[in-house]
């Protein structure tokens, strides 16, 4: 009887093939898991920052219907604030409060031009 026709050889081929498939899937899943852990660490690092928490708190207050013009005015006095982040909050405030009143708009416009140029 030829060794390739024997049951143990067929079993060995079967096990080797399945082990190879398992290792390929395992390697792919391990790479995906490593990527997800790395992303979670980056997200955690950024969300623990005080600046992120203050921004999130302000956004939440705006969405809950509070007027946050004072917080927006404080941000125009902070030179470390990103102009796009400020404008996003301003747009959110405008959308949730039915627009900006003309007097408030002029004051904000003046502050924005003075702070951000």
Protein backbone atom coordinates (compact mmCIF):
# COMPACT_ATOMS: atom_id res chain seq x y z
CA UNK A 1 0.00 0.00 0.00
CA UNK A 2 1.30 3.42 -0.94
CA UNK A 3 1.88 5.79 2.07
CA UNK A 4 -0.23 8.54 0.52
CA UNK A 5 -3.25 6.28 0.53
CA UNK A 6 -3.04 5.50 4.20
CA UNK A 7 -5.42 7.00 6.73
CA UNK A 8 -2.72 8.54 8.95
CA UNK A 9 -1.27 10.47 6.00
CA UNK A 10 -4.70 11.83 5.03
CA UNK A 11 -5.30 12.79 8.65
CA UNK A 12 -1.94 14.55 8.76
CA UNK A 13 -2.76 16.52 5.58
CA UNK A 14 -6.17 17.43 6.99
CA UNK A 15 -4.76 18.58 10.33
CA UNK A 16 -1.95 20.53 8.64
CA UNK A 17 -4.40 22.29 6.33
CA UNK A 18 -6.78 23.19 9.17
CA UNK A 19 -3.92 24.36 11.38
CA UNK A 20 -2.65 26.57 8.55
CA UNK A 21 -6.11 28.12 8.09
CA UNK A 22 -6.45 28.63 11.84
CA UNK A 23 -3.07 30.34 12.08
CA UNK A 24 -3.92 32.69 9.19
CA UNK A 25 -7.22 33.67 10.84
CA UNK A 26 -5.55 33.99 14.23
CA UNK A 27 -2.83 36.27 12.84
CA UNK A 28 -5.41 38.45 11.08
CA UNK A 29 -7.55 38.69 14.24
CA UNK A 30 -4.49 39.47 16.35
CA UNK A 31 -3.55 42.33 14.00
CA UNK A 32 -7.11 43.66 14.14
CA UNK A 33 -7.19 43.40 17.93
CA UNK A 34 -3.85 45.18 18.21
CA UNK A 35 -5.13 48.01 16.00
CA UNK A 36 -8.33 48.36 18.04
CA UNK A 37 -6.41 48.43 21.32
CA UNK A 38 -4.09 51.11 19.93
CA UNK A 39 -7.06 53.21 18.77
CA UNK A 40 -8.77 52.81 22.15
CA UNK A 41 -5.59 54.02 23.90
CA UNK A 42 -5.45 57.10 21.65
CA UNK A 43 -9.13 57.86 22.25
CA UNK A 44 -8.72 57.42 26.01
CA UNK A 45 -5.68 59.69 26.09
CA UNK A 46 -7.54 62.44 24.21
CA UNK A 47 -10.82 62.17 26.08
CA UNK A 48 -9.08 62.43 29.47
CA UNK A 49 -7.74 65.88 28.58
CA UNK A 50 -9.40 68.77 30.39
CA UNK A 51 -9.84 70.69 27.12
CA UNK A 52 -11.82 67.80 25.61
CA UNK A 53 -13.98 67.43 28.70
CA UNK A 54 -14.74 71.16 28.77
CA UNK A 55 -15.64 71.12 25.08
CA UNK A 56 -17.85 68.06 25.53
CA UNK A 57 -19.54 69.66 28.55
CA UNK A 58 -20.21 72.87 26.59
CA UNK A 59 -21.60 70.92 23.61
CA UNK A 60 -23.84 68.92 25.90
CA UNK A 61 -25.14 72.05 27.62
CA UNK A 62 -25.90 73.64 24.25
CA UNK A 63 -27.75 70.54 23.08
CA UNK A 64 -29.75 70.49 26.30
CA UNK A 65 -30.99 73.98 25.47
CA UNK A 66 -28.76 76.10 27.69
CA UNK A 67 -27.38 79.37 26.40
CA UNK A 68 -23.59 79.15 26.39
CA UNK A 69 -22.69 82.61 25.12
CA UNK A 70 -20.54 83.21 28.20
CA UNK A 71 -18.52 80.07 27.47
CA UNK A 72 -18.13 81.21 23.87
CA UNK A 73 -16.95 84.61 25.04
CA UNK A 74 -14.43 82.92 27.34
CA UNK A 75 -13.14 80.91 24.40
CA UNK A 76 -12.48 84.07 22.38
CA UNK A 77 -10.18 85.18 25.19
CA UNK A 78 -8.25 81.89 25.06
CA UNK A 79 -5.58 82.03 22.36
CA UNK A 80 -5.02 78.26 22.45
CA UNK A 81 -8.52 77.54 21.13
CA UNK A 82 -8.79 76.29 17.57
CA UNK A 83 -10.92 78.62 15.42
CA UNK A 84 -12.78 75.67 13.85
CA UNK A 85 -13.67 74.28 17.27
CA UNK A 86 -14.98 77.71 18.29
CA UNK A 87 -17.00 78.12 15.08
CA UNK A 88 -18.46 74.64 15.50
CA UNK A 89 -19.70 75.57 18.98
CA UNK A 90 -21.04 78.86 17.67
CA UNK A 91 -22.95 77.08 14.89
CA UNK A 92 -24.31 74.55 17.37
CA UNK A 93 -25.48 77.38 19.66
CA UNK A 94 -27.12 79.14 16.72
CA UNK A 95 -28.88 75.98 15.51
CA UNK A 96 -30.24 75.03 18.91
CA UNK A 97 -31.40 78.49 19.91
CA UNK A 98 -33.14 79.49 16.69
CA UNK A 99 -30.36 81.76 15.46
CA UNK A 100 -28.29 84.56 16.94
CA UNK A 101 -29.78 87.91 17.81
CA UNK A 102 -28.29 90.81 15.85
CA UNK A 103 -26.70 92.50 18.86
CA UNK A 104 -25.22 89.21 20.11
CA UNK A 105 -24.02 88.39 16.60
CA UNK A 106 -22.21 91.74 16.28
CA UNK A 107 -20.48 91.30 19.63
CA UNK A 108 -19.41 87.76 18.73
CA UNK A 109 -18.28 88.86 15.26
CA UNK A 110 -16.15 91.60 16.77
CA UNK A 111 -14.59 89.19 19.29
CA UNK A 112 -13.88 86.57 16.63
CA UNK A 113 -12.21 89.06 14.31
CA UNK A 114 -10.15 90.47 17.16
CA UNK A 115 -9.08 87.03 18.44
CA UNK A 116 -8.76 84.91 15.31
CA UNK A 117 -8.19 87.57 12.71
